[in-house]
C-alpha atoms as a PDB file:
ATOM      1  CA  CYS A   1      38.167 114.128 189.741  1.00  0.00           C
ATOM      2  CA  LEU A   2      41.842 113.923 189.613  1.00  0.00           C
ATOM      3  CA  PRO A   3      43.572 116.331 186.759  1.00  0.00           C
ATOM      4  CA  PRO A   4      44.560 113.926 183.670  1.00  0.00           C
ATOM      5  CA  CYS A   5      48.125 112.603 184.225  1.00  0.00           C
ATOM      6  CA  CYS A   6      48.832 115.274 186.237  1.00  0.00           C
ATOM      7  CA  TYR A   7      51.982 114.548 188.383  1.00  0.00           C
ATOM      8  CA  LEU A   8      49.937 117.097 191.406  1.00  0.00           C
ATOM      9  CA  CYS A   9      49.206 113.545 192.966  1.00  0.00           C
ATOM     10  CA  PRO A  10      51.524 110.584 193.994  1.00  0.00           C
ATOM     11  CA  VAL A  11      49.836 107.150 194.058  1.00  0.00           C
ATOM     12  CA  ASP A  12      49.985 106.275 197.586  1.00  0.00           C
ATOM     13  CA  ARG A  13      47.700 109.861 198.278  1.00  0.00           C
ATOM     14  CA  LEU A  14      45.551 108.743 195.733  1.00  0.00           C
ATOM     15  CA  VAL A  15      41.735 106.957 197.362  1.00  0.00           C
ATOM     16  CA  THR A  16      41.128 103.065 197.427  1.00  0.00           C
ATOM     17  CA  LEU A  17      38.030 102.042 196.391  1.00  0.00           C
ATOM     18  CA  PRO A  18      36.605 100.257 198.144  1.00  0.00           C
ATOM     19  CA  SER A  19      36.248  96.208 196.169  1.00  0.00           C
ATOM     20  CA  ARG A  20      32.409  96.564 195.210  1.00  0.00           C
ATOM     21  CA  TRP A  21      32.503 100.386 194.213  1.00  0.00           C
ATOM     22  CA  ARG A  22      36.038  99.950 192.221  1.00  0.00           C
ATOM     23  CA  ASP A  23      34.461  96.699 190.804  1.00  0.00           C
ATOM     24  CA  GLU A  24      31.099  99.309 189.705  1.00  0.00           C
ATOM     25  CA  ARG A  25      33.607 101.212 188.214  1.00  0.00           C
ATOM     26  CA  LEU A  26      35.637  99.039 186.389  1.00  0.00           C
ATOM     27  CA  LYS A  27      32.347  97.393 185.012  1.00  0.00           C
ATOM     28  CA  LEU A  28      31.215 101.327 183.463  1.00  0.00           C
ATOM     29  CA  ARG A  29      34.966 101.402 181.659  1.00  0.00           C
ATOM     30  CA  ASP A  30      34.214  97.866 180.293  1.00  0.00           C
ATOM     31  CA  LEU A  31      30.592  99.651 179.560  1.00  0.00           C
ATOM     32  CA  VAL A  32      32.275 102.736 178.174  1.00  0.00           C
ATOM     33  CA  VAL A  33      34.523 101.265 176.038  1.00  0.00           C
ATOM     34  CA  SER A  34      32.440  98.752 174.875  1.00  0.00           C
ATOM     35  CA  SER A  35      29.774 100.930 173.655  1.00  0.00           C
ATOM     36  CA  ASP A  36      32.258 103.029 171.785  1.00  0.00           C
ATOM     37  CA  THR A  37      33.283 100.424 170.011  1.00  0.00           C
ATOM     38  CA  MET A  38      29.739  99.557 169.208  1.00  0.00           C
ATOM     39  CA  ALA A  39      29.287 102.542 167.690  1.00  0.00           C
ATOM     40  CA  LEU A  40      32.007 103.024 165.975  1.00  0.00           C
ATOM     41  CA  SER A  41      30.943  99.545 163.737  1.00  0.00           C
ATOM     42  CA  GLU A  42      27.611 100.803 163.950  1.00  0.00           C
ATOM     43  CA  GLU A  43      29.041 103.643 162.023  1.00  0.00           C
ATOM     44  CA  VAL A  44      31.600 101.434 159.521  1.00  0.00           C
ATOM     45  CA  ASP A  45      28.241  99.566 158.797  1.00  0.00           C
ATOM     46  CA  ALA A  46      26.891 102.302 158.286  1.00  0.00           C
ATOM     47  CA  GLY A  47      29.010 103.477 155.548  1.00  0.00           C
ATOM     48  CA  GLY A  48      30.971 105.940 157.590  1.00  0.00           C
ATOM     49  CA  ASP A  49      34.264 105.257 158.869  1.00  0.00           C
ATOM     50  CA  GLY A  50      34.198 106.046 162.485  1.00  0.00           C
ATOM     51  CA  ALA A  51      35.684 109.292 162.125  1.00  0.00           C
ATOM     52  CA  ASP A  52      33.081 111.815 163.501  1.00  0.00           C
ATOM     53  CA  LEU A  53      33.719 109.010 167.054  1.00  0.00           C
ATOM     54  CA  VAL A  54      37.151 110.322 166.767  1.00  0.00           C
ATOM     55  CA  LYS A  55      36.179 114.182 166.236  1.00  0.00           C
ATOM     56  CA  GLU A  56      34.307 113.945 169.808  1.00  0.00           C
ATOM     57  CA  HIS A  57      37.021 111.980 171.263  1.00  0.00           C
ATOM     58  CA  ASN A  58      39.827 114.538 170.335  1.00  0.00           C
ATOM     59  CA  ARG A  59      37.348 117.315 171.137  1.00  0.00           C
ATOM     60  CA  TYR A  60      36.692 116.029 175.041  1.00  0.00           C
ATOM     61  CA  GLN A  61      40.338 115.760 175.190  1.00  0.00           C
ATOM     62  CA  GLU A  62      40.880 119.356 174.087  1.00  0.00           C
ATOM     63  CA  SER A  63      38.132 120.881 176.378  1.00  0.00           C
ATOM     64  CA  VAL A  64      39.498 118.836 178.943  1.00  0.00           C
ATOM     65  CA  PHE A  65      42.945 119.992 178.678  1.00  0.00           C
ATOM     66  CA  ASP A  66      41.940 123.758 177.766  1.00  0.00           C
ATOM     67  CA  GLU A  67      40.417 123.795 180.911  1.00  0.00           C
ATOM     68  CA  GLN A  68      43.442 122.212 183.318  1.00  0.00           C
ATOM     69  CA  ALA A  69      45.799 124.451 181.495  1.00  0.00           C
ATOM     70  CA  HIS A  70      46.817 126.686 184.255  1.00  0.00           C
ATOM     71  CA  THR A  71      46.829 123.692 186.721  1.00  0.00           C
ATOM     72  CA  PHE A  72      49.766 122.454 184.523  1.00  0.00           C
ATOM     73  CA  ALA A  73      51.232 125.351 184.089  1.00  0.00           C
ATOM     74  CA  GLY A  74      51.502 126.004 187.686  1.00  0.00           C
ATOM     75  CA  PRO A  75      54.783 125.885 189.414  1.00  0.00           C
ATOM     76  CA  ALA A  76      53.669 122.748 191.718  1.00  0.00           C
ATOM     77  CA  ALA A  77      52.753 121.237 188.088  1.00  0.00           C
ATOM     78  CA  THR A  78      55.646 118.780 188.875  1.00  0.00           C
ATOM     79  CA  THR A  79      56.472 117.408 191.677  1.00  0.00           C
ATOM     80  CA  LEU A  80      59.927 117.369 193.616  1.00  0.00           C
ATOM     81  CA  GLU A  81      59.730 113.365 193.569  1.00  0.00           C
ATOM     82  CA  VAL A  82      58.712 113.241 189.898  1.00  0.00           C
ATOM     83  CA  VAL A  83      61.845 115.063 188.568  1.00  0.00           C
ATOM     84  CA  PRO A  84      63.972 112.455 189.020  1.00  0.00           C
ATOM     85  CA  ARG A  85      61.814 109.835 187.392  1.00  0.00           C
ATOM     86  CA  MET A  86      61.509 112.679 184.576  1.00  0.00           C
ATOM     87  CA  GLN A  87      65.391 112.426 184.419  1.00  0.00           C
ATOM     88  CA  ARG A  88      65.260 108.628 183.834  1.00  0.00           C
ATOM     89  CA  ILE A  89      63.201 108.521 180.586  1.00  0.00           C
ATOM     90  CA  ALA A  90      64.713 111.524 179.410  1.00  0.00           C
ATOM     91  CA  ARG A  91      67.850 109.316 179.452  1.00  0.00           C
ATOM     92  CA  ALA A  92      65.755 106.786 178.001  1.00  0.00           C
ATOM     93  CA  CYS A  93      65.826 108.377 174.498  1.00  0.00           C
ATOM     94  CA  GLN A  94      69.316 108.961 174.225  1.00  0.00           C
ATOM     95  CA  LEU A  95      69.613 112.613 173.128  1.00  0.00           C
ATOM     96  CA  GLY A  96      72.010 114.612 171.872  1.00  0.00           C
ATOM     97  CA  PRO A  97      72.585 117.774 169.877  1.00  0.00           C
ATOM     98  CA  GLU A  98      71.637 116.470 166.723  1.00  0.00           C
ATOM     99  CA  THR A  99      68.458 114.636 167.569  1.00  0.00           C
ATOM    100  CA  PHE A 100      65.539 115.627 166.459  1.00  0.00           C
ATOM    101  CA  VAL A 101      62.163 115.099 168.759  1.00  0.00           C
ATOM    102  CA  LEU A 102      58.277 115.028 168.484  1.00  0.00           C
ATOM    103  CA  ASP A 103      56.989 115.655 172.102  1.00  0.00           C
ATOM    104  CA  VAL A 104      53.285 114.243 171.317  1.00  0.00           C
ATOM    105  CA  ALA A 105      51.289 115.642 174.100  1.00  0.00           C
ATOM    106  CA  THR A 106      53.421 118.081 174.885  1.00  0.00           C
ATOM    107  CA  GLY A 107      50.980 120.269 177.577  1.00  0.00           C
ATOM    108  CA  THR A 108      53.503 122.671 178.754  1.00  0.00           C
ATOM    109  CA  GLY A 109      56.286 121.893 177.760  1.00  0.00           C
ATOM    110  CA  ALA A 110      56.777 119.826 181.257  1.00  0.00           C
ATOM    111  CA  MET A 111      59.444 117.431 179.533  1.00  0.00           C
ATOM    112  CA  LEU A 112      61.427 119.839 177.449  1.00  0.00           C
ATOM    113  CA  PRO A 113      63.838 120.876 180.405  1.00  0.00           C
ATOM    114  CA  PHE A 114      64.538 117.272 180.831  1.00  0.00           C
ATOM    115  CA  TYR A 115      65.936 116.747 176.805  1.00  0.00           C
ATOM    116  CA  THR A 116      67.600 119.832 177.026  1.00  0.00           C
ATOM    117  CA  ALA A 117      69.514 118.341 179.863  1.00  0.00           C
ATOM    118  CA  GLU A 118      70.806 115.712 177.565  1.00  0.00           C
ATOM    119  CA  GLY A 119      71.993 117.820 175.327  1.00  0.00           C
ATOM    120  CA  VAL A 120      69.230 118.556 172.239  1.00  0.00           C
ATOM    121  CA  PRO A 121      68.746 122.102 172.046  1.00  0.00           C
ATOM    122  CA  LEU A 122      64.885 123.133 172.225  1.00  0.00           C
ATOM    123  CA  SER A 123      65.245 124.164 168.423  1.00  0.00           C
ATOM    124  CA  ARG A 124      65.232 120.635 167.483  1.00  0.00           C
ATOM    125  CA  ILE A 125      62.015 120.204 169.698  1.00  0.00           C
ATOM    126  CA  ILE A 126      58.464 119.684 168.393  1.00  0.00           C
ATOM    127  CA  GLY A 127      56.158 119.703 170.162  1.00  0.00           C
ATOM    128  CA  LEU A 128      52.294 118.520 169.555  1.00  0.00           C
ATOM    129  CA  ASP A 129      49.259 118.533 171.115  1.00  0.00           C
ATOM    130  CA  LEU A 130      45.899 118.788 170.621  1.00  0.00           C
ATOM    131  CA  SER A 131      44.972 121.824 173.592  1.00  0.00           C
ATOM    132  CA  GLU A 132      45.919 125.618 172.291  1.00  0.00           C
ATOM    133  CA  GLY A 133      45.358 126.172 175.846  1.00  0.00           C
ATOM    134  CA  MET A 134      48.077 124.247 176.942  1.00  0.00           C
ATOM    135  CA  LEU A 135      50.167 125.217 174.236  1.00  0.00           C
ATOM    136  CA  ARG A 136      49.705 129.075 175.172  1.00  0.00           C
ATOM    137  CA  PHE A 137      51.922 128.416 177.908  1.00  0.00           C
ATOM    138  CA  ALA A 138      54.125 126.082 176.342  1.00  0.00           C
ATOM    139  CA  ARG A 139      55.021 128.667 172.887  1.00  0.00           C
ATOM    140  CA  GLN A 140      55.830 131.361 176.515  1.00  0.00           C
ATOM    141  CA  SER A 141      58.129 128.990 178.907  1.00  0.00           C
ATOM    142  CA  PHE A 142      60.105 127.342 175.170  1.00  0.00           C
ATOM    143  CA  PRO A 143      60.229 130.258 172.813  1.00  0.00           C
ATOM    144  CA  GLU A 144      62.937 128.530 171.022  1.00  0.00           C
ATOM    145  CA  ALA A 145      60.924 125.126 170.128  1.00  0.00           C
ATOM    146  CA  SER A 146      57.934 124.659 167.905  1.00  0.00           C
ATOM    147  CA  PHE A 147      54.397 123.919 168.841  1.00  0.00           C
ATOM    148  CA  VAL A 148      51.785 122.323 166.466  1.00  0.00           C
ATOM    149  CA  LYS A 149      48.274 122.095 167.156  1.00  0.00           C
ATOM    150  CA  SER A 150      47.629 118.945 165.737  1.00  0.00           C
ATOM    151  CA  ASP A 151      45.838 115.219 166.122  1.00  0.00           C
ATOM    152  CA  ILE A 152      48.963 112.975 166.321  1.00  0.00           C
ATOM    153  CA  MET A 153      47.134 110.606 163.574  1.00  0.00           C
ATOM    154  CA  GLU A 154      46.875 113.040 161.147  1.00  0.00           C
ATOM    155  CA  TYR A 155      50.508 115.123 161.793  1.00  0.00           C
ATOM    156  CA  THR A 156      53.302 114.742 159.018  1.00  0.00           C
ATOM    157  CA  GLU A 157      56.121 117.761 159.022  1.00  0.00           C
ATOM    158  CA  PRO A 158      55.671 119.522 155.922  1.00  0.00           C
ATOM    159  CA  ASP A 159      58.656 118.917 154.161  1.00  0.00           C
ATOM    160  CA  GLY A 160      58.569 115.049 154.394  1.00  0.00           C
ATOM    161  CA  ARG A 161      60.792 114.943 157.075  1.00  0.00           C
ATOM    162  CA  ARG A 162      61.120 111.652 159.966  1.00  0.00           C
ATOM    163  CA  PHE A 163      62.509 112.362 163.485  1.00  0.00           C
ATOM    164  CA  ASP A 164      64.938 110.705 165.475  1.00  0.00           C
ATOM    165  CA  ARG A 165      62.728 110.558 169.041  1.00  0.00           C
ATOM    166  CA  VAL A 166      58.985 110.487 169.023  1.00  0.00           C
ATOM    167  CA  VAL A 167      58.000 110.513 172.743  1.00  0.00           C
ATOM    168  CA  PHE A 168      54.588 109.895 174.660  1.00  0.00           C
ATOM    169  CA  ASN A 169      54.574 110.912 178.016  1.00  0.00           C
ATOM    170  CA  ALA A 170      51.764 110.264 179.953  1.00  0.00           C
ATOM    171  CA  CYS A 171      49.761 110.491 176.957  1.00  0.00           C
ATOM    172  CA  PHE A 172      49.711 107.354 175.275  1.00  0.00           C
ATOM    173  CA  GLY A 173      45.901 105.557 177.169  1.00  0.00           C
ATOM    174  CA  ASN A 174      44.879 108.473 175.887  1.00  0.00           C
ATOM    175  CA  PHE A 175      44.737 108.450 172.422  1.00  0.00           C
ATOM    176  CA  TRP A 176      41.401 106.572 169.982  1.00  0.00           C
ATOM    177  CA  ASP A 177      43.683 103.916 168.203  1.00  0.00           C
ATOM    178  CA  SER A 178      46.647 103.611 170.634  1.00  0.00           C
ATOM    179  CA  GLY A 179      47.929 100.943 167.526  1.00  0.00           C
ATOM    180  CA  GLY A 180      46.576 103.026 164.736  1.00  0.00           C
ATOM    181  CA  VAL A 181      48.862 105.924 166.399  1.00  0.00           C
ATOM    182  CA  LEU A 182      51.988 103.261 166.056  1.00  0.00           C
ATOM    183  CA  LYS A 183      51.217 102.475 162.814  1.00  0.00           C
ATOM    184  CA  HIS A 184      51.039 105.639 161.605  1.00  0.00           C
ATOM    185  CA  ILE A 185      54.094 106.837 163.532  1.00  0.00           C
ATOM    186  CA  SER A 186      56.025 103.826 161.991  1.00  0.00           C
ATOM    187  CA  SER A 187      55.094 104.619 158.065  1.00  0.00           C
ATOM    188  CA  SER A 188      55.076 108.900 158.414  1.00  0.00           C
ATOM    189  CA  VAL A 189      56.799 109.937 161.552  1.00  0.00           C
ATOM    190  CA  VAL A 190      59.803 108.032 162.778  1.00  0.00           C
ATOM    191  CA  ALA A 191      63.328 107.872 160.772  1.00  0.00           C
ATOM    192  CA  PRO A 192      64.549 104.517 160.503  1.00  0.00           C
ATOM    193  CA  GLY A 193      66.153 103.084 163.731  1.00  0.00           C
ATOM    194  CA  GLY A 194      64.657 105.990 165.355  1.00  0.00           C
ATOM    195  CA  ILE A 195      63.579 105.554 168.954  1.00  0.00           C
ATOM    196  CA  VAL A 196      59.598 105.643 169.865  1.00  0.00           C
ATOM    197  CA  VAL A 197      59.875 106.050 174.077  1.00  0.00           C
ATOM    198  CA  ILE A 198      55.909 105.233 175.547  1.00  0.00           C
ATOM    199  CA  SER A 199      56.492 106.475 179.114  1.00  0.00           C
ATOM    200  CA  HIS A 200      54.262 107.455 182.761  1.00  0.00           C
ATOM    201  CA  PRO A 201      55.957 108.616 185.390  1.00  0.00           C
ATOM    202  CA  LEU A 202      53.582 107.589 187.980  1.00  0.00           C
ATOM    203  CA  GLY A 203      52.942 104.341 186.530  1.00  0.00           C
ATOM    204  CA  ARG A 204      50.420 102.114 185.017  1.00  0.00           C
ATOM    205  CA  ARG A 205      48.591 101.550 188.442  1.00  0.00           C
ATOM    206  CA  TRP A 206      48.444 105.409 188.877  1.00  0.00           C
ATOM    207  CA  LEU A 207      46.696 105.579 185.283  1.00  0.00           C
ATOM    208  CA  GLU A 208      44.294 102.696 186.476  1.00  0.00           C
ATOM    209  CA  ASN A 209      43.314 105.578 189.370  1.00  0.00           C
ATOM    210  CA  LEU A 210      42.876 107.638 186.649  1.00  0.00           C
ATOM    211  CA  GLN A 211      40.703 105.657 184.073  1.00  0.00           C
ATOM    212  CA  ARG A 212      38.333 104.549 186.441  1.00  0.00           C
ATOM    213  CA  GLU A 213      37.786 108.384 187.684  1.00  0.00           C
ATOM    214  CA  ASP A 214      37.302 108.823 183.814  1.00  0.00           C
ATOM    215  CA  PRO A 215      37.273 106.333 181.782  1.00  0.00           C
ATOM    216  CA  LYS A 216      36.567 109.000 178.740  1.00  0.00           C
ATOM    217  CA  MET A 217      39.100 110.486 178.754  1.00  0.00           C
ATOM    218  CA  VAL A 218      42.110 107.332 179.600  1.00  0.00           C
ATOM    219  CA  ARG A 219      40.537 105.061 176.780  1.00  0.00           C
ATOM    220  CA  HIS A 220      42.868 102.050 177.402  1.00  0.00           C
ATOM    221  CA  LEU A 221      45.739 101.068 180.402  1.00  0.00           C
ATOM    222  CA  LEU A 222      49.232 101.208 179.997  1.00  0.00           C
ATOM    223  CA  PRO A 223      50.459  98.141 178.160  1.00  0.00           C
ATOM    224  CA  ASP A 224      52.317  95.252 179.895  1.00  0.00           C
ATOM    225  CA  ALA A 225      55.313  93.601 177.525  1.00  0.00           C
ATOM    226  CA  ASP A 226      53.309  90.462 175.855  1.00  0.00           C
ATOM    227  CA  GLU A 227      50.142  92.977 175.275  1.00  0.00           C
ATOM    228  CA  LEU A 228      52.517  95.687 173.470  1.00  0.00           C
ATOM    229  CA  LEU A 229      54.131  92.860 171.520  1.00  0.00           C
ATOM    230  CA  SER A 230      50.494  91.329 170.310  1.00  0.00           C
ATOM    231  CA  LEU A 231      49.791  95.068 169.824  1.00  0.00           C
ATOM    232  CA  LEU A 232      52.799  95.574 167.289  1.00  0.00           C
ATOM    233  CA  LYS A 233      51.611  91.992 165.647  1.00  0.00           C
ATOM    234  CA  GLN A 234      47.952  93.243 164.741  1.00  0.00           C
ATOM    235  CA  HIS A 235      49.386  96.190 162.989  1.00  0.00           C
ATOM    236  CA  SER A 236      52.285  95.438 161.336  1.00  0.00           C
ATOM    237  CA  VAL A 237      54.116  97.751 163.032  1.00  0.00           C
ATOM    238  CA  ASP A 238      58.433  97.288 162.299  1.00  0.00           C
ATOM    239  CA  PHE A 239      59.722  98.136 165.744  1.00  0.00           C
ATOM    240  CA  SER A 240      61.623  95.970 168.207  1.00  0.00           C
ATOM    241  CA  LEU A 241      61.173  96.150 171.561  1.00  0.00           C
ATOM    242  CA  VAL A 242      64.390  97.925 173.571  1.00  0.00           C
ATOM    243  CA  SER A 243      63.714  97.713 177.033  1.00  0.00           C
ATOM    244  CA  PHE A 244      60.843  97.205 178.767  1.00  0.00           C
ATOM    245  CA  ASP A 245      60.098  98.938 182.144  1.00  0.00           C
ATOM    246  CA  ASP A 246      57.095  98.786 184.534  1.00  0.00           C
ATOM    247  CA  GLU A 247      57.626  99.241 188.029  1.00  0.00           C
ATOM    248  CA  GLU A 248      55.388 101.089 190.773  1.00  0.00           C
ATOM    249  CA  GLU A 249      55.532 104.103 189.666  1.00  0.00           C
ATOM    250  CA  TYR A 250      57.713 104.895 186.806  1.00  0.00           C
ATOM    251  CA  TYR A 251      57.177 102.994 183.378  1.00  0.00           C
ATOM    252  CA  CYS A 252      58.787 103.205 180.230  1.00  0.00           C
ATOM    253  CA  VAL A 253      59.362 101.417 176.798  1.00  0.00           C
ATOM    254  CA  VAL A 254      61.987 102.064 174.228  1.00  0.00           C
ATOM    255  CA  LEU A 255      61.171 100.760 170.469  1.00  0.00           C
ATOM    256  CA  GLN A 256      62.807 101.066 167.566  1.00  0.00           C
ATOM    257  CA  LYS A 257      61.953 100.701 164.014  1.00  0.00           C
ATOM    258  CA  GLN A 258      63.412  98.967 162.154  1.00  0.00           C
ATOM    259  CA  ARG A 259      65.982 100.061 159.053  1.00  0.00           C
ATOM    260  CA  ALA A 260      65.911  98.378 155.779  1.00  0.00           C
ATOM    261  CA  CYS A 261      68.685  96.511 156.108  1.00  0.00           C
ATOM    262  CA  ASP A 262      67.179  95.151 159.303  1.00  0.00           C
ATOM    263  CA  LEU A 263      64.392  93.678 156.872  1.00  0.00           C
ATOM    264  CA  SER A 264      66.480  91.791 154.569  1.00  0.00           C
END
């Protein structure tokens, strides 16, 4: 099984499954996702809200990343060939000395050195993650930054402050409800005019391989442009699409929350 969202394994070194095996794995993936959706519908019909299924999903995510924390914290976790792509992601965030950043699914803090290289101090970065094992390494490596163990769907700043930048790097496919996450971010987390970045330094093809390995971990593939716009419309999210880069080994979407004056 591949380490989830780890940068140790370049795309061209992944094993290509025979087509008949690939088709069977895709059928299995669809069955797992369909089964989860059916279970959620049944729970809602029974008077529940699906909260137990979401908690089970989050516990699975937490346990997997706790187990892999030492791998992610190791010196080889980010290969040299991935570094330029992570630099591109940080540049896409349009950071500066006063930018207030939320790094969602921060893990061991892999993106933080790239943020600071773009001018934002660690003191203005908050890293969020479900895995305490990952956060333990992040706190050791970046004591000046702040780290919070939380589900993004339950997170807001205690004082109501909004973030200038919210970054989802190598994690967007892992959420139970990606559309719900964007709606929550828009309504409660990012500031008007703020930027949201959805990225993966290994691209959509790599994530497809990972989903075949573990469809329970990766519930969703990264959306193409039309799918993303449809997701925003479906969930009534007031983000405009600034840029969309979908390359063989690089994926980066920049969204901007509309200001009140833009909606008038």
